[in-house]
PDB file of N, CA and C in Angstrom:
ATOM      1  N   MET A   1     -26.820  -2.162 -69.830  1.00  0.00           N
ATOM      2  CA  MET A   1     -27.556  -3.261 -70.420  1.00  0.00           C
ATOM      3  C   MET A   1     -27.307  -4.544 -69.633  1.00  0.00           C
ATOM      4  N   ALA A   2     -26.083  -4.732 -69.184  1.00  0.00           N
ATOM      5  CA  ALA A   2     -25.763  -5.935 -68.423  1.00  0.00           C
ATOM      6  C   ALA A   2     -26.545  -5.990 -67.107  1.00  0.00           C
ATOM      7  N   ILE A   3     -26.724  -4.848 -66.470  1.00  0.00           N
ATOM      8  CA  ILE A   3     -27.486  -4.807 -65.223  1.00  0.00           C
ATOM      9  C   ILE A   3     -28.953  -5.131 -65.497  1.00  0.00           C
ATOM     10  N   SER A   4     -29.493  -4.647 -66.596  1.00  0.00           N
ATOM     11  CA  SER A   4     -30.879  -4.954 -66.956  1.00  0.00           C
ATOM     12  C   SER A   4     -31.065  -6.438 -67.221  1.00  0.00           C
ATOM     13  N   ILE A   5     -30.116  -7.045 -67.908  1.00  0.00           N
ATOM     14  CA  ILE A   5     -30.186  -8.477 -68.184  1.00  0.00           C
ATOM     15  C   ILE A   5     -30.080  -9.267 -66.881  1.00  0.00           C
ATOM     16  N   LEU A   6     -29.201  -8.855 -66.008  1.00  0.00           N
ATOM     17  CA  LEU A   6     -29.069  -9.518 -64.713  1.00  0.00           C
ATOM     18  C   LEU A   6     -30.352  -9.386 -63.899  1.00  0.00           C
ATOM     19  N   PHE A   7     -30.938  -8.192 -63.871  1.00  0.00           N
ATOM     20  CA  PHE A   7     -32.188  -7.939 -63.157  1.00  0.00           C
ATOM     21  C   PHE A   7     -33.292  -8.841 -63.701  1.00  0.00           C
ATOM     22  N   TYR A   8     -33.388  -8.912 -65.026  1.00  0.00           N
ATOM     23  CA  TYR A   8     -34.383  -9.772 -65.672  1.00  0.00           C
ATOM     24  C   TYR A   8     -34.156 -11.237 -65.315  1.00  0.00           C
ATOM     25  N   ALA A   9     -32.932 -11.693 -65.413  1.00  0.00           N
ATOM     26  CA  ALA A   9     -32.626 -13.105 -65.167  1.00  0.00           C
ATOM     27  C   ALA A   9     -32.890 -13.495 -63.713  1.00  0.00           C
ATOM     28  N   VAL A  10     -32.465 -12.669 -62.779  1.00  0.00           N
ATOM     29  CA  VAL A  10     -32.640 -12.988 -61.357  1.00  0.00           C
ATOM     30  C   VAL A  10     -34.122 -13.073 -61.009  1.00  0.00           C
ATOM     31  N   PHE A  11     -34.907 -12.085 -61.393  1.00  0.00           N
ATOM     32  CA  PHE A  11     -36.303 -12.081 -60.988  1.00  0.00           C
ATOM     33  C   PHE A  11     -37.155 -13.071 -61.784  1.00  0.00           C
ATOM     34  N   THR A  12     -36.708 -13.476 -62.952  1.00  0.00           N
ATOM     35  CA  THR A  12     -37.388 -14.570 -63.643  1.00  0.00           C
ATOM     36  C   THR A  12     -37.203 -15.861 -62.861  1.00  0.00           C
ATOM     37  N   GLY A  13     -35.989 -16.106 -62.401  1.00  0.00           N
ATOM     38  CA  GLY A  13     -35.725 -17.293 -61.592  1.00  0.00           C
ATOM     39  C   GLY A  13     -36.436 -17.260 -60.255  1.00  0.00           C
ATOM     40  N   VAL A  14     -36.452 -16.109 -59.598  1.00  0.00           N
ATOM     41  CA  VAL A  14     -37.112 -15.976 -58.310  1.00  0.00           C
ATOM     42  C   VAL A  14     -38.622 -16.161 -58.463  1.00  0.00           C
ATOM     43  N   ALA A  15     -39.189 -15.727 -59.578  1.00  0.00           N
ATOM     44  CA  ALA A  15     -40.629 -15.887 -59.814  1.00  0.00           C
ATOM     45  C   ALA A  15     -41.022 -17.361 -59.828  1.00  0.00           C
ATOM     46  N   ALA A  16     -40.138 -18.215 -60.272  1.00  0.00           N
ATOM     47  CA  ALA A  16     -40.425 -19.649 -60.285  1.00  0.00           C
ATOM     48  C   ALA A  16     -40.543 -20.212 -58.872  1.00  0.00           C
ATOM     49  N   LEU A  17     -39.985 -19.534 -57.899  1.00  0.00           N
ATOM     50  CA  LEU A  17     -40.011 -20.001 -56.515  1.00  0.00           C
ATOM     51  C   LEU A  17     -41.095 -19.320 -55.683  1.00  0.00           C
ATOM     52  N   SER A  18     -41.938 -18.514 -56.298  1.00  0.00           N
ATOM     53  CA  SER A  18     -42.955 -17.767 -55.545  1.00  0.00           C
ATOM     54  C   SER A  18     -43.956 -18.724 -54.903  1.00  0.00           C
ATOM     55  N   GLN A  19     -44.445 -18.328 -53.751  1.00  0.00           N
ATOM     56  CA  GLN A  19     -45.354 -19.155 -52.963  1.00  0.00           C
ATOM     57  C   GLN A  19     -46.803 -18.662 -53.004  1.00  0.00           C
ATOM     58  N   SER A  20     -47.043 -17.477 -53.530  1.00  0.00           N
ATOM     59  CA  SER A  20     -48.403 -16.938 -53.614  1.00  0.00           C
ATOM     60  C   SER A  20     -48.515 -16.083 -54.873  1.00  0.00           C
ATOM     61  N   TRP A  21     -49.735 -15.724 -55.206  1.00  0.00           N
ATOM     62  CA  TRP A  21     -49.915 -14.910 -56.401  1.00  0.00           C
ATOM     63  C   TRP A  21     -49.397 -13.494 -56.183  1.00  0.00           C
ATOM     64  N   GLU A  22     -49.394 -13.032 -54.921  1.00  0.00           N
ATOM     65  CA  GLU A  22     -48.857 -11.703 -54.635  1.00  0.00           C
ATOM     66  C   GLU A  22     -47.353 -11.654 -54.890  1.00  0.00           C
ATOM     67  N   GLN A  23     -46.665 -12.699 -54.439  1.00  0.00           N
ATOM     68  CA  GLN A  23     -45.219 -12.782 -54.697  1.00  0.00           C
ATOM     69  C   GLN A  23     -44.952 -12.875 -56.191  1.00  0.00           C
ATOM     70  N   LEU A  24     -45.722 -13.705 -56.887  1.00  0.00           N
ATOM     71  CA  LEU A  24     -45.542 -13.843 -58.333  1.00  0.00           C
ATOM     72  C   LEU A  24     -45.758 -12.512 -59.039  1.00  0.00           C
ATOM     73  N   ALA A  25     -46.803 -11.787 -58.637  1.00  0.00           N
ATOM     74  CA  ALA A  25     -47.070 -10.484 -59.256  1.00  0.00           C
ATOM     75  C   ALA A  25     -45.911  -9.517 -59.018  1.00  0.00           C
ATOM     76  N   LEU A  26     -45.383  -9.495 -57.813  1.00  0.00           N
ATOM     77  CA  LEU A  26     -44.254  -8.616 -57.509  1.00  0.00           C
ATOM     78  C   LEU A  26     -43.021  -8.997 -58.324  1.00  0.00           C
ATOM     79  N   PHE A  27     -42.707 -10.284 -58.360  1.00  0.00           N
ATOM     80  CA  PHE A  27     -41.516 -10.721 -59.091  1.00  0.00           C
ATOM     81  C   PHE A  27     -41.666 -10.505 -60.589  1.00  0.00           C
ATOM     82  N   ARG A  28     -42.868 -10.686 -61.129  1.00  0.00           N
ATOM     83  CA  ARG A  28     -43.075 -10.433 -62.552  1.00  0.00           C
ATOM     84  C   ARG A  28     -42.974  -8.939 -62.864  1.00  0.00           C
ATOM     85  N   PHE A  29     -43.438  -8.091 -61.937  1.00  0.00           N
ATOM     86  CA  PHE A  29     -43.286  -6.647 -62.121  1.00  0.00           C
ATOM     87  C   PHE A  29     -41.809  -6.273 -62.153  1.00  0.00           C
ATOM     88  N   LEU A  30     -41.035  -6.824 -61.231  1.00  0.00           N
ATOM     89  CA  LEU A  30     -39.598  -6.531 -61.211  1.00  0.00           C
ATOM     90  C   LEU A  30     -38.894  -7.096 -62.442  1.00  0.00           C
ATOM     91  N   THR A  31     -39.373  -8.238 -62.926  1.00  0.00           N
ATOM     92  CA  THR A  31     -38.844  -8.794 -64.176  1.00  0.00           C
ATOM     93  C   THR A  31     -39.111  -7.837 -65.336  1.00  0.00           C
ATOM     94  N   ALA A  32     -40.296  -7.252 -65.355  1.00  0.00           N
ATOM     95  CA  ALA A  32     -40.659  -6.317 -66.428  1.00  0.00           C
ATOM     96  C   ALA A  32     -39.767  -5.080 -66.425  1.00  0.00           C
ATOM     97  N   LEU A  33     -39.339  -4.653 -65.244  1.00  0.00           N
ATOM     98  CA  LEU A  33     -38.406  -3.519 -65.194  1.00  0.00           C
ATOM     99  C   LEU A  33     -37.088  -3.878 -65.887  1.00  0.00           C
ATOM    100  N   GLY A  34     -36.625  -5.093 -65.689  1.00  0.00           N
ATOM    101  CA  GLY A  34     -35.414  -5.545 -66.375  1.00  0.00           C
ATOM    102  C   GLY A  34     -35.609  -5.638 -67.874  1.00  0.00           C
ATOM    103  N   ILE A  35     -36.774  -6.122 -68.284  1.00  0.00           N
ATOM    104  CA  ILE A  35     -37.064  -6.221 -69.718  1.00  0.00           C
ATOM    105  C   ILE A  35     -37.109  -4.829 -70.340  1.00  0.00           C
ATOM    106  N   GLY A  36     -37.736  -3.890 -69.634  1.00  0.00           N
ATOM    107  CA  GLY A  36     -37.838  -2.525 -70.163  1.00  0.00           C
ATOM    108  C   GLY A  36     -36.483  -1.887 -70.388  1.00  0.00           C
ATOM    109  N   GLY A  37     -35.562  -2.131 -69.472  1.00  0.00           N
ATOM    110  CA  GLY A  37     -34.225  -1.576 -69.626  1.00  0.00           C
ATOM    111  C   GLY A  37     -33.451  -2.210 -70.765  1.00  0.00           C
ATOM    112  N   GLU A  38     -33.681  -3.482 -70.962  1.00  0.00           N
ATOM    113  CA  GLU A  38     -32.956  -4.192 -72.011  1.00  0.00           C
ATOM    114  C   GLU A  38     -33.590  -3.981 -73.377  1.00  0.00           C
ATOM    115  N   TRP A  39     -34.907  -3.834 -73.399  1.00  0.00           N
ATOM    116  CA  TRP A  39     -35.628  -3.737 -74.671  1.00  0.00           C
ATOM    117  C   TRP A  39     -35.165  -2.542 -75.499  1.00  0.00           C
ATOM    118  N   ALA A  40     -35.029  -1.402 -74.872  1.00  0.00           N
ATOM    119  CA  ALA A  40     -34.622  -0.203 -75.611  1.00  0.00           C
ATOM    120  C   ALA A  40     -33.216  -0.358 -76.179  1.00  0.00           C
ATOM    121  N   ALA A  41     -32.303  -0.836 -75.364  1.00  0.00           N
ATOM    122  CA  ALA A  41     -30.928  -1.010 -75.848  1.00  0.00           C
ATOM    123  C   ALA A  41     -30.855  -2.114 -76.898  1.00  0.00           C
ATOM    124  N   GLY A  42     -31.577  -3.193 -76.678  1.00  0.00           N
ATOM    125  CA  GLY A  42     -31.556  -4.305 -77.635  1.00  0.00           C
ATOM    126  C   GLY A  42     -32.150  -3.932 -78.974  1.00  0.00           C
ATOM    127  N   SER A  43     -33.271  -3.216 -78.963  1.00  0.00           N
ATOM    128  CA  SER A  43     -33.876  -2.829 -80.239  1.00  0.00           C
ATOM    129  C   SER A  43     -33.006  -1.820 -80.993  1.00  0.00           C
ATOM    130  N   ALA A  44     -32.321  -0.951 -80.269  1.00  0.00           N
ATOM    131  CA  ALA A  44     -31.399  -0.019 -80.934  1.00  0.00           C
ATOM    132  C   ALA A  44     -30.238  -0.769 -81.582  1.00  0.00           C
ATOM    133  N   LEU A  45     -29.707  -1.769 -80.882  1.00  0.00           N
ATOM    134  CA  LEU A  45     -28.614  -2.564 -81.451  1.00  0.00           C
ATOM    135  C   LEU A  45     -29.070  -3.347 -82.675  1.00  0.00           C
ATOM    136  N   VAL A  46     -30.270  -3.918 -82.611  1.00  0.00           N
ATOM    137  CA  VAL A  46     -30.796  -4.652 -83.762  1.00  0.00           C
ATOM    138  C   VAL A  46     -31.033  -3.697 -84.927  1.00  0.00           C
ATOM    139  N   ALA A  47     -31.597  -2.521 -84.654  1.00  0.00           N
ATOM    140  CA  ALA A  47     -31.877  -1.558 -85.721  1.00  0.00           C
ATOM    141  C   ALA A  47     -30.603  -1.101 -86.420  1.00  0.00           C
ATOM    142  N   GLU A  48     -29.513  -0.976 -85.684  1.00  0.00           N
ATOM    143  CA  GLU A  48     -28.250  -0.555 -86.286  1.00  0.00           C
ATOM    144  C   GLU A  48     -27.588  -1.656 -87.102  1.00  0.00           C
ATOM    145  N   SER A  49     -27.972  -2.899 -86.853  1.00  0.00           N
ATOM    146  CA  SER A  49     -27.300  -4.033 -87.486  1.00  0.00           C
ATOM    147  C   SER A  49     -27.879  -4.412 -88.845  1.00  0.00           C
ATOM    148  N   PHE A  50     -29.040  -3.875 -89.199  1.00  0.00           N
ATOM    149  CA  PHE A  50     -29.700  -4.276 -90.436  1.00  0.00           C
ATOM    150  C   PHE A  50     -29.956  -3.069 -91.330  1.00  0.00           C
ATOM    151  N   SER A  51     -30.114  -3.356 -92.613  1.00  0.00           N
ATOM    152  CA  SER A  51     -30.359  -2.288 -93.581  1.00  0.00           C
ATOM    153  C   SER A  51     -31.767  -1.717 -93.386  1.00  0.00           C
ATOM    154  N   ASP A  52     -32.026  -0.574 -94.014  1.00  0.00           N
ATOM    155  CA  ASP A  52     -33.323   0.091 -93.882  1.00  0.00           C
ATOM    156  C   ASP A  52     -34.482  -0.793 -94.327  1.00  0.00           C
ATOM    157  N   GLN A  53     -34.293  -1.544 -95.397  1.00  0.00           N
ATOM    158  CA  GLN A  53     -35.394  -2.361 -95.910  1.00  0.00           C
ATOM    159  C   GLN A  53     -35.658  -3.598 -95.061  1.00  0.00           C
ATOM    160  N   ASP A  54     -34.672  -4.090 -94.333  1.00  0.00           N
ATOM    161  CA  ASP A  54     -34.854  -5.279 -93.490  1.00  0.00           C
ATOM    162  C   ASP A  54     -35.155  -4.937 -92.034  1.00  0.00           C
ATOM    163  N   ARG A  55     -34.941  -3.710 -91.644  1.00  0.00           N
ATOM    164  CA  ARG A  55     -35.064  -3.306 -90.241  1.00  0.00           C
ATOM    165  C   ARG A  55     -36.449  -3.568 -89.666  1.00  0.00           C
ATOM    166  N   SER A  56     -37.500  -3.201 -90.377  1.00  0.00           N
ATOM    167  CA  SER A  56     -38.856  -3.382 -89.834  1.00  0.00           C
ATOM    168  C   SER A  56     -39.209  -4.857 -89.679  1.00  0.00           C
ATOM    169  N   LYS A  57     -38.761  -5.688 -90.612  1.00  0.00           N
ATOM    170  CA  LYS A  57     -39.029  -7.126 -90.502  1.00  0.00           C
ATOM    171  C   LYS A  57     -38.313  -7.737 -89.304  1.00  0.00           C
ATOM    172  N   VAL A  58     -37.078  -7.368 -89.109  1.00  0.00           N
ATOM    173  CA  VAL A  58     -36.297  -7.920 -88.004  1.00  0.00           C
ATOM    174  C   VAL A  58     -36.827  -7.439 -86.659  1.00  0.00           C
ATOM    175  N   LEU A  59     -37.181  -6.171 -86.560  1.00  0.00           N
ATOM    176  CA  LEU A  59     -37.739  -5.664 -85.308  1.00  0.00           C
ATOM    177  C   LEU A  59     -39.103  -6.283 -85.014  1.00  0.00           C
ATOM    178  N   SER A  60     -39.903  -6.540 -86.043  1.00  0.00           N
ATOM    179  CA  SER A  60     -41.185  -7.221 -85.843  1.00  0.00           C
ATOM    180  C   SER A  60     -40.973  -8.638 -85.343  1.00  0.00           C
ATOM    181  N   LEU A  61     -39.998  -9.315 -85.899  1.00  0.00           N
ATOM    182  CA  LEU A  61     -39.668 -10.669 -85.444  1.00  0.00           C
ATOM    183  C   LEU A  61     -39.185 -10.648 -83.998  1.00  0.00           C
ATOM    184  N   MET A  62     -38.370  -9.674 -83.665  1.00  0.00           N
ATOM    185  CA  MET A  62     -37.868  -9.561 -82.301  1.00  0.00           C
ATOM    186  C   MET A  62     -39.013  -9.310 -81.316  1.00  0.00           C
ATOM    187  N   GLN A  63     -39.947  -8.452 -81.692  1.00  0.00           N
ATOM    188  CA  GLN A  63     -41.057  -8.129 -80.791  1.00  0.00           C
ATOM    189  C   GLN A  63     -42.009  -9.304 -80.621  1.00  0.00           C
ATOM    190  N   SER A  64     -42.179 -10.110 -81.637  1.00  0.00           N
ATOM    191  CA  SER A  64     -43.117 -11.229 -81.537  1.00  0.00           C
ATOM    192  C   SER A  64     -42.469 -12.498 -80.994  1.00  0.00           C
ATOM    193  N   ALA A  65     -41.170 -12.534 -80.909  1.00  0.00           N
ATOM    194  CA  ALA A  65     -40.474 -13.758 -80.490  1.00  0.00           C
ATOM    195  C   ALA A  65     -40.804 -14.155 -79.053  1.00  0.00           C
ATOM    196  N   TRP A  66     -40.977 -13.186 -78.143  1.00  0.00           N
ATOM    197  CA  TRP A  66     -41.273 -13.554 -76.766  1.00  0.00           C
ATOM    198  C   TRP A  66     -42.630 -14.249 -76.670  1.00  0.00           C
ATOM    199  N   GLY A  67     -43.612 -13.812 -77.442  1.00  0.00           N
ATOM    200  CA  GLY A  67     -44.924 -14.452 -77.425  1.00  0.00           C
ATOM    201  C   GLY A  67     -44.871 -15.865 -77.970  1.00  0.00           C
ATOM    202  N   GLN A  68     -44.118 -16.048 -79.020  1.00  0.00           N
ATOM    203  CA  GLN A  68     -43.969 -17.383 -79.591  1.00  0.00           C
ATOM    204  C   GLN A  68     -43.239 -18.309 -78.625  1.00  0.00           C
ATOM    205  N   ALA A  69     -42.208 -17.815 -77.974  1.00  0.00           N
ATOM    206  CA  ALA A  69     -41.469 -18.625 -77.013  1.00  0.00           C
ATOM    207  C   ALA A  69     -42.351 -18.999 -75.826  1.00  0.00           C
ATOM    208  N   PHE A  70     -43.154 -18.054 -75.349  1.00  0.00           N
ATOM    209  CA  PHE A  70     -44.061 -18.332 -74.242  1.00  0.00           C
ATOM    210  C   PHE A  70     -45.077 -19.402 -74.632  1.00  0.00           C
ATOM    211  N   PHE A  71     -45.641 -19.282 -75.835  1.00  0.00           N
ATOM    212  CA  PHE A  71     -46.617 -20.257 -76.318  1.00  0.00           C
ATOM    213  C   PHE A  71     -46.009 -21.654 -76.384  1.00  0.00           C
ATOM    214  N   TRP A  72     -44.839 -21.782 -77.004  1.00  0.00           N
ATOM    215  CA  TRP A  72     -44.219 -23.091 -77.159  1.00  0.00           C
ATOM    216  C   TRP A  72     -43.769 -23.664 -75.821  1.00  0.00           C
ATOM    217  N   GLN A  73     -43.317 -22.814 -74.933  1.00  0.00           N
ATOM    218  CA  GLN A  73     -42.906 -23.290 -73.612  1.00  0.00           C
ATOM    219  C   GLN A  73     -44.110 -23.857 -72.867  1.00  0.00           C
ATOM    220  N   ARG A  74     -45.242 -23.173 -72.915  1.00  0.00           N
ATOM    221  CA  ARG A  74     -46.458 -23.654 -72.250  1.00  0.00           C
ATOM    222  C   ARG A  74     -46.976 -24.922 -72.918  1.00  0.00           C
ATOM    223  N   LEU A  75     -46.928 -24.965 -74.235  1.00  0.00           N
ATOM    224  CA  LEU A  75     -47.421 -26.134 -74.957  1.00  0.00           C
ATOM    225  C   LEU A  75     -46.589 -27.372 -74.645  1.00  0.00           C
ATOM    226  N   LEU A  76     -45.293 -27.212 -74.555  1.00  0.00           N
ATOM    227  CA  LEU A  76     -44.406 -28.347 -74.320  1.00  0.00           C
ATOM    228  C   LEU A  76     -44.369 -28.813 -72.871  1.00  0.00           C
ATOM    229  N   THR A  77     -44.813 -27.979 -71.937  1.00  0.00           N
ATOM    230  CA  THR A  77     -44.787 -28.394 -70.533  1.00  0.00           C
ATOM    231  C   THR A  77     -46.078 -29.075 -70.116  1.00  0.00           C
ATOM    232  N   TYR A  78     -47.097 -29.054 -70.954  1.00  0.00           N
ATOM    233  CA  TYR A  78     -48.361 -29.731 -70.599  1.00  0.00           C
ATOM    234  C   TYR A  78     -48.554 -30.990 -71.385  1.00  0.00           C
TER     235      TYR A  78
END
């Protein structure tokens, strides 16, 4: 999990320095590989931490949080 988080963090930072859309596409693809590795482990850890009745709500919040963060980040930078 630590390697996946590192992979995600490094390529997210490198994507900010991209000079063309091809570089950005490559770096975002590599970022997605890091997210994929972390997502499975993270969702399993979250699922184990909550009761059966709260599990679906918490996992739904976790899945939608990245979209909300992206929206607010874009809104606040313009």
